[in-house]
Amino acid sequence: MHTPHTPGAMHGCRHDLNTEMAAVSLKMCGMSYRNIADIFRTVLGIDVAAGTIVKMVGRAARALEPLHATMAGMLRGAKAINGDETSWRINGANSWLWVLVAERFAVFTVEYSRGASVLLSLLEGFKGNMTSDSHPPHDRVETFHQKCRAHYLREVKETLELKDPGPQFRRFARTFKKMPHDSREVAARADPEERKRGAARLQARLDRLISKDYDEPNCKRFVKRLKRERDRAFTFIMAGIPSDNNRAERAVRLSVLIRNITGGSRSRKGPRGHAVLMSVKEMCRMNGLNFYEFCVKYLDRESPEVARRAAAGPAPGGVTWPFPEPADADADAGKTASKS
């Protein structure tokens, strides 16, 4: 069981850091401000207004901004990234929540644009591999791309089940569905030359399929898309990157739940704070860290870990190490005590 401590409160709040981060953690689980206030009053015996919790969440987001900026800077040096986006509302206006997921961290941002300018800004100079769905702006990032294999299979299944296609599409679907499954077997081969030959054979099979003449509209729709994405269908075989976009879709799932509960945000500060906090929360999940405990340690000005980071100074790109293990602060404290 976690034993709370009582470090100083963040600037501008009369509650201690544990209380503040407990409220933030509940908010990042999808709870409304009013329900959090009810839990504090009935379970913890702390009388706090919903408006005060709004301020707590805003303060935490501002305090974690440097960590969010750190992770955004690290995107450019990542080996592989998954990208996705979903709708968001800001005071009733349409906007978009973007997420870019690397191996050990994720970066969220909310923008009014769903265009390529968002990605080009975040990924300027990026030279790694990118896996995404078929949203065209992802293709504007000049790097090696892999289109999500699961999206292809899902769309084929939905067409078969919901659109009552004719026999031509059913034959097309039978042939096409074998390729994603065969590509997984090719990617599992240990010999790079075997993978290369297997990828070439798969590419030739795809070219034969999309070079035929089709009369059915469903076939024409798929062929048009596959011709556009032909060079991005089997990149993962040689690049050793994910063939699906599950990593990004998992990362965005909680935000979709929160959006459905809250309807979005009422101000520009709200979505910015959500993006910062969700980036840190997802980073903690990916590294097996407890979001609440990590944030308390990270934000506690008296923590030895914070002091060590400050003393070390910024590394290239403006960061030291943004992912301390939960035990780091305790270990540093023990070393200091033994020396004294």
Protein backbone atom coordinates (compact mmCIF):
# COMPACT_ATOMS: atom_id res chain seq x y z
CA MET A 1 0.00 0.00 0.00
CA HIS A 2 1.30 3.44 -0.92
CA THR A 3 2.29 5.57 2.06
CA PRO A 4 1.60 9.22 1.28
CA HIS A 5 4.03 11.97 2.14
CA THR A 6 3.27 15.69 2.32
CA PRO A 7 5.66 17.71 0.17
CA GLY A 8 4.94 21.39 -0.41
CA ALA A 9 2.02 22.32 -2.60
CA MET A 10 2.49 23.59 -6.12
CA HIS A 11 2.55 27.36 -6.43
CA GLY A 12 -0.84 28.93 -5.89
CA CYS A 13 -2.59 26.02 -4.11
CA ARG A 14 -3.27 25.41 -0.42
CA HIS A 15 -3.46 21.62 -0.88
CA ASP A 16 -0.40 19.40 -0.76
CA LEU A 17 1.05 17.71 -3.82
CA ASN A 18 -0.43 14.30 -2.98
CA THR A 19 -3.93 15.77 -2.87
CA GLU A 20 -3.45 17.67 -6.11
CA MET A 21 -2.12 14.66 -7.99
CA ALA A 22 -4.87 12.42 -6.60
CA ALA A 23 -7.39 14.81 -8.18
CA VAL A 24 -5.44 14.90 -11.45
CA SER A 25 -5.18 11.10 -11.55
CA LEU A 26 -8.94 10.73 -11.13
CA LYS A 27 -9.52 13.29 -13.87
CA MET A 28 -7.20 11.40 -16.22
CA CYS A 29 -9.29 8.28 -15.59
CA GLY A 30 -12.25 10.04 -17.19
CA MET A 31 -14.10 11.32 -14.11
CA SER A 32 -15.91 14.66 -14.14
CA TYR A 33 -14.74 17.50 -11.89
CA ARG A 34 -17.99 17.34 -9.91
CA ASN A 35 -17.66 13.60 -9.26
CA ILE A 36 -14.06 14.05 -8.12
CA ALA A 37 -15.19 16.73 -5.68
CA ASP A 38 -17.88 14.35 -4.36
CA ILE A 39 -15.30 11.58 -3.82
CA PHE A 40 -12.96 13.96 -2.00
CA ARG A 41 -15.78 15.10 0.30
CA THR A 42 -17.45 11.74 1.01
CA VAL A 43 -14.45 9.37 1.00
CA LEU A 44 -11.46 11.52 1.98
CA GLY A 45 -13.24 14.13 4.07
CA ILE A 46 -11.72 16.97 2.03
CA ASP A 47 -14.15 19.75 1.16
CA VAL A 48 -13.03 21.02 -2.23
CA ALA A 49 -15.07 22.66 -4.98
CA ALA A 50 -15.14 21.42 -8.58
CA GLY A 51 -13.67 24.76 -9.68
CA THR A 52 -10.70 24.20 -7.39
CA ILE A 53 -10.07 20.82 -9.01
CA VAL A 54 -10.12 22.51 -12.43
CA LYS A 55 -7.31 24.75 -11.18
CA MET A 56 -5.42 21.75 -9.77
CA VAL A 57 -5.47 20.01 -13.15
CA GLY A 58 -4.35 23.19 -14.91
CA ARG A 59 -1.45 23.70 -12.48
CA ALA A 60 -0.28 20.11 -12.89
CA ALA A 61 -0.39 20.44 -16.68
CA ARG A 62 1.66 23.64 -16.61
CA ALA A 63 4.21 22.07 -14.26
CA LEU A 64 4.60 19.06 -16.57
CA GLU A 65 4.95 21.18 -19.73
CA PRO A 66 8.78 20.82 -19.79
CA LEU A 67 8.46 17.02 -19.79
CA HIS A 68 5.96 17.19 -22.65
CA ALA A 69 8.34 19.45 -24.59
CA THR A 70 11.15 16.99 -23.90
CA MET A 71 9.21 14.08 -25.35
CA ALA A 72 8.11 16.15 -28.36
CA GLY A 73 11.77 16.89 -29.08
CA MET A 74 12.67 13.21 -28.76
CA LEU A 75 10.17 12.24 -31.48
CA ARG A 76 12.57 13.40 -34.18
CA GLY A 77 15.19 10.89 -33.11
CA ALA A 78 12.85 7.91 -32.66
CA LYS A 79 13.44 4.78 -34.74
CA ALA A 80 9.74 4.15 -35.38
CA ILE A 81 6.54 6.07 -34.71
CA ASN A 82 2.85 5.22 -34.87
CA GLY A 83 0.45 8.07 -35.58
CA ASP A 84 -3.29 8.55 -35.20
CA GLU A 85 -5.86 11.30 -34.69
CA THR A 86 -9.43 11.63 -33.47
CA SER A 87 -11.96 14.42 -33.25
CA TRP A 88 -12.08 16.84 -30.31
CA ARG A 89 -14.32 19.81 -29.55
CA ILE A 90 -13.14 23.17 -28.21
CA ASN A 91 -16.09 25.26 -27.06
CA GLY A 92 -18.21 23.59 -29.75
CA ALA A 93 -15.69 24.07 -32.56
CA ASN A 94 -14.19 21.11 -34.41
CA SER A 95 -10.58 20.28 -33.64
CA TRP A 96 -8.36 17.19 -33.62
CA LEU A 97 -6.46 15.27 -31.00
CA TRP A 98 -3.23 13.91 -32.52
CA VAL A 99 -0.99 11.27 -30.98
CA LEU A 100 2.47 10.13 -32.04
CA VAL A 101 3.76 7.04 -30.24
CA ALA A 102 7.41 5.97 -30.04
CA GLU A 103 8.75 2.87 -28.33
CA ARG A 104 8.68 4.22 -24.76
CA PHE A 105 6.66 7.43 -24.87
CA ALA A 106 3.80 9.21 -26.62
CA VAL A 107 3.10 12.83 -27.49
CA PHE A 108 -0.42 14.23 -27.71
CA THR A 109 -1.48 17.59 -29.10
CA VAL A 110 -4.85 19.17 -29.88
CA GLU A 111 -5.02 21.34 -32.98
CA TYR A 112 -7.75 22.92 -35.08
CA SER A 113 -6.13 21.42 -38.19
CA ARG A 114 -6.30 17.82 -39.36
CA GLY A 115 -3.78 18.59 -42.08
CA ALA A 116 -0.15 17.74 -42.69
CA SER A 117 1.12 20.96 -41.09
CA VAL A 118 0.68 19.42 -37.62
CA LEU A 119 2.82 16.40 -38.44
CA LEU A 120 5.43 18.40 -40.34
CA SER A 121 5.86 20.67 -37.33
CA LEU A 122 6.19 17.85 -34.80
CA LEU A 123 8.36 15.62 -36.99
CA GLU A 124 10.67 18.09 -38.67
CA GLY A 125 13.89 16.22 -39.45
CA PHE A 126 12.43 12.82 -38.55
CA LYS A 127 14.27 9.99 -40.37
CA GLY A 128 12.74 6.89 -38.80
CA ASN A 129 9.83 4.70 -39.89
CA MET A 130 6.16 5.62 -39.53
CA THR A 131 3.12 3.35 -39.25
CA SER A 132 -0.31 4.91 -39.68
CA ASP A 133 -3.77 4.47 -41.10
CA SER A 134 -4.66 5.79 -44.56
CA HIS A 135 -5.20 9.41 -43.54
CA PRO A 136 -3.30 11.21 -46.38
CA PRO A 137 -1.44 13.85 -44.27
CA HIS A 138 0.75 11.11 -42.77
CA ASP A 139 2.20 10.55 -46.24
CA ARG A 140 3.56 14.10 -46.29
CA VAL A 141 6.20 13.16 -43.73
CA GLU A 142 9.22 12.30 -45.87
CA THR A 143 10.28 8.98 -44.41
CA PHE A 144 9.59 5.24 -44.75
CA HIS A 145 5.92 4.41 -44.21
CA GLN A 146 3.91 1.33 -43.31
CA LYS A 147 0.15 1.39 -43.72
CA CYS A 148 -1.83 -0.42 -41.06
CA ARG A 149 -2.49 -4.01 -42.09
CA ALA A 150 -5.37 -4.33 -39.61
CA HIS A 151 -7.20 -1.40 -41.22
CA TYR A 152 -7.15 -3.17 -44.59
CA LEU A 153 -8.56 -6.37 -43.14
CA ARG A 154 -11.16 -4.52 -41.08
CA GLU A 155 -12.41 -2.59 -44.10
CA VAL A 156 -12.62 -5.74 -46.22
CA LYS A 157 -14.64 -7.44 -43.48
CA GLU A 158 -17.01 -4.47 -43.12
CA THR A 159 -17.54 -4.34 -46.88
CA LEU A 160 -18.39 -8.04 -46.99
CA GLU A 161 -20.77 -7.82 -44.04
CA LEU A 162 -22.45 -4.46 -44.55
CA LYS A 163 -22.35 -3.48 -48.22
CA ASP A 164 -23.62 -6.66 -49.90
CA PRO A 165 -20.85 -6.77 -52.53
CA GLY A 166 -21.06 -8.81 -55.71
CA PRO A 167 -19.06 -11.92 -56.62
CA GLN A 168 -16.22 -9.89 -58.14
CA PHE A 169 -15.41 -8.22 -54.83
CA ARG A 170 -15.74 -11.51 -52.95
CA ARG A 171 -13.08 -13.04 -55.21
CA PHE A 172 -10.96 -9.91 -54.79
CA ALA A 173 -11.32 -10.12 -50.99
CA ARG A 174 -10.33 -13.81 -50.84
CA THR A 175 -7.14 -13.08 -52.77
CA PHE A 176 -6.28 -9.92 -50.90
CA LYS A 177 -6.88 -11.26 -47.37
CA LYS A 178 -4.14 -13.85 -47.81
CA MET A 179 -1.45 -11.19 -48.32
CA PRO A 180 -1.44 -9.55 -44.86
CA HIS A 181 -1.35 -12.98 -43.22
CA ASP A 182 1.43 -14.22 -45.54
CA SER A 183 3.41 -11.04 -44.94
CA ARG A 184 3.50 -11.75 -41.20
CA GLU A 185 5.04 -15.16 -41.90
CA VAL A 186 7.65 -13.59 -44.21
CA ALA A 187 8.54 -10.93 -41.61
CA ALA A 188 9.19 -13.67 -39.01
CA ARG A 189 11.98 -15.26 -41.08
CA ALA A 190 15.44 -14.88 -39.58
CA ASP A 191 17.40 -14.60 -42.84
CA PRO A 192 17.30 -11.04 -44.26
CA GLU A 193 17.70 -12.35 -47.81
CA GLU A 194 14.70 -14.63 -47.39
CA ARG A 195 12.66 -11.70 -46.07
CA LYS A 196 13.74 -9.58 -49.02
CA ARG A 197 12.74 -12.24 -51.56
CA GLY A 198 9.47 -12.85 -49.73
CA ALA A 199 8.67 -9.13 -49.74
CA ALA A 200 9.36 -8.95 -53.48
CA ARG A 201 7.00 -11.87 -54.14
CA LEU A 202 4.27 -10.26 -52.05
CA GLN A 203 4.72 -6.98 -53.91
CA ALA A 204 4.38 -8.81 -57.22
CA ARG A 205 1.16 -10.50 -56.03
CA LEU A 206 -0.27 -7.13 -55.01
CA ASP A 207 0.69 -5.58 -58.35
CA ARG A 208 -1.06 -8.36 -60.26
CA LEU A 209 -4.19 -7.91 -58.16
CA ILE A 210 -4.46 -4.14 -58.59
CA SER A 211 -3.51 -4.14 -62.29
CA LYS A 212 -6.69 -5.98 -63.31
CA ASP A 213 -9.81 -4.23 -64.63
CA TYR A 214 -12.76 -4.23 -62.25
CA ASP A 215 -16.37 -3.26 -62.77
CA GLU A 216 -17.63 -3.35 -59.20
CA PRO A 217 -17.44 -0.03 -57.28
CA ASN A 218 -16.10 -1.71 -54.12
CA CYS A 219 -13.21 -3.21 -56.09
CA LYS A 220 -12.48 0.12 -57.77
CA ARG A 221 -12.40 1.85 -54.38
CA PHE A 222 -9.94 -0.63 -52.91
CA VAL A 223 -7.75 -0.70 -55.99
CA LYS A 224 -7.51 3.10 -56.05
CA ARG A 225 -6.39 3.12 -52.43
CA LEU A 226 -3.95 0.23 -52.86
CA LYS A 227 -2.35 1.86 -55.89
CA ARG A 228 -1.81 5.00 -53.84
CA GLU A 229 -0.32 3.02 -50.94
CA ARG A 230 1.45 0.34 -52.96
CA ASP A 231 4.94 1.26 -51.73
CA ARG A 232 3.79 1.33 -48.10
CA ALA A 233 2.15 -2.09 -47.88
CA PHE A 234 5.14 -4.27 -46.89
CA THR A 235 7.72 -1.85 -45.46
CA PHE A 236 7.57 -3.56 -42.05
CA ILE A 237 9.07 -6.81 -43.40
CA MET A 238 12.54 -5.33 -43.80
CA ALA A 239 12.29 -2.40 -41.38
CA GLY A 240 11.34 -4.44 -38.31
CA ILE A 241 8.52 -2.06 -37.32
CA PRO A 242 4.87 -2.70 -36.39
CA SER A 243 2.65 -3.70 -39.30
CA ASP A 244 -0.44 -2.32 -37.59
CA ASN A 245 -1.35 0.92 -35.86
CA ASN A 246 -2.53 -0.72 -32.64
CA ARG A 247 0.01 1.15 -30.54
CA ALA A 248 -1.45 4.54 -31.48
CA GLU A 249 -5.04 3.33 -31.28
CA ARG A 250 -4.46 2.02 -27.74
CA ALA A 251 -2.90 5.32 -26.74
CA VAL A 252 -5.85 7.38 -27.98
CA ARG A 253 -8.56 5.12 -26.51
CA LEU A 254 -8.77 6.78 -23.08
CA SER A 255 -8.97 10.23 -24.68
CA VAL A 256 -11.92 9.05 -26.77
CA LEU A 257 -13.63 7.89 -23.57
CA ILE A 258 -12.99 11.24 -21.88
CA ARG A 259 -14.22 13.12 -24.96
CA ASN A 260 -17.43 11.09 -25.00
CA ILE A 261 -18.03 11.90 -21.32
CA THR A 262 -17.11 15.59 -21.39
CA GLY A 263 -17.90 16.54 -24.99
CA GLY A 264 -14.41 18.04 -25.34
CA SER A 265 -13.12 21.29 -23.83
CA ARG A 266 -14.56 24.72 -23.18
CA SER A 267 -11.35 26.71 -23.58
CA ARG A 268 -8.02 26.50 -25.38
CA LYS A 269 -6.23 25.86 -22.07
CA GLY A 270 -8.27 22.69 -21.47
CA PRO A 271 -7.12 20.68 -24.51
CA ARG A 272 -3.52 21.82 -24.06
CA GLY A 273 -3.58 20.58 -20.48
CA HIS A 274 -5.21 17.32 -21.57
CA ALA A 275 -2.49 16.76 -24.19
CA VAL A 276 0.31 17.33 -21.66
CA LEU A 277 -1.20 15.13 -18.94
CA MET A 278 -2.21 12.37 -21.35
CA SER A 279 1.32 12.31 -22.80
CA VAL A 280 2.79 11.80 -19.32
CA LYS A 281 0.13 9.24 -18.37
CA GLU A 282 0.74 7.20 -21.53
CA MET A 283 4.51 7.37 -21.03
CA CYS A 284 4.01 5.99 -17.52
CA ARG A 285 1.82 3.17 -18.81
CA MET A 286 4.36 2.23 -21.48
CA ASN A 287 7.19 2.11 -18.92
CA GLY A 288 5.30 0.30 -16.17
CA LEU A 289 5.19 3.38 -13.92
CA ASN A 290 2.40 4.57 -11.65
CA PHE A 291 1.18 7.93 -13.00
CA TYR A 292 0.32 9.34 -9.57
CA GLU A 293 3.59 8.30 -7.92
CA PHE A 294 5.69 9.40 -10.88
CA CYS A 295 4.14 12.87 -10.96
CA VAL A 296 4.51 13.35 -7.19
CA LYS A 297 8.21 12.45 -7.37
CA TYR A 298 8.76 14.48 -10.54
CA LEU A 299 7.09 17.62 -9.20
CA ASP A 300 8.31 17.46 -5.59
CA ARG A 301 10.97 20.20 -5.42
CA GLU A 302 12.55 18.49 -2.41
CA SER A 303 13.01 15.18 -4.23
CA PRO A 304 16.65 14.06 -4.72
CA GLU A 305 15.73 12.97 -8.25
CA VAL A 306 14.61 16.49 -9.15
CA ALA A 307 17.79 17.91 -7.63
CA ARG A 308 19.89 15.45 -9.63
CA ARG A 309 18.19 16.41 -12.88
CA ALA A 310 18.70 20.10 -12.15
CA ALA A 311 22.38 19.58 -11.34
CA ALA A 312 23.00 17.48 -14.44
CA GLY A 313 21.74 20.25 -16.73
CA PRO A 314 20.13 19.75 -20.13
CA ALA A 315 21.34 17.13 -22.55
CA PRO A 316 21.37 17.69 -26.32
CA GLY A 317 17.83 18.56 -27.26
CA GLY A 318 17.19 20.21 -23.89
CA VAL A 319 16.65 17.14 -21.72
CA THR A 320 18.28 14.91 -19.18
CA TRP A 321 16.39 11.65 -18.62
CA PRO A 322 12.63 12.06 -18.44
CA PHE A 323 11.73 8.56 -17.27
CA PRO A 324 13.09 7.99 -13.75
CA GLU A 325 12.10 4.71 -12.16
CA PRO A 326 9.88 5.06 -9.08
CA ALA A 327 12.70 3.86 -6.80
CA ASP A 328 15.30 6.33 -8.15
CA ALA A 329 14.56 9.06 -5.62
CA ASP A 330 14.70 6.63 -2.67
CA ALA A 331 17.96 5.14 -3.95
CA ASP A 332 19.55 8.57 -4.31
CA ALA A 333 18.40 9.48 -0.82
CA GLY A 334 19.97 6.31 0.59
CA LYS A 335 23.29 7.04 -1.10
CA THR A 336 23.30 10.58 0.31
CA ALA A 337 22.58 9.29 3.82
CA SER A 338 25.34 6.67 3.68
CA LYS A 339 27.91 9.25 2.58
CA SER A 340 27.00 11.56 5.45
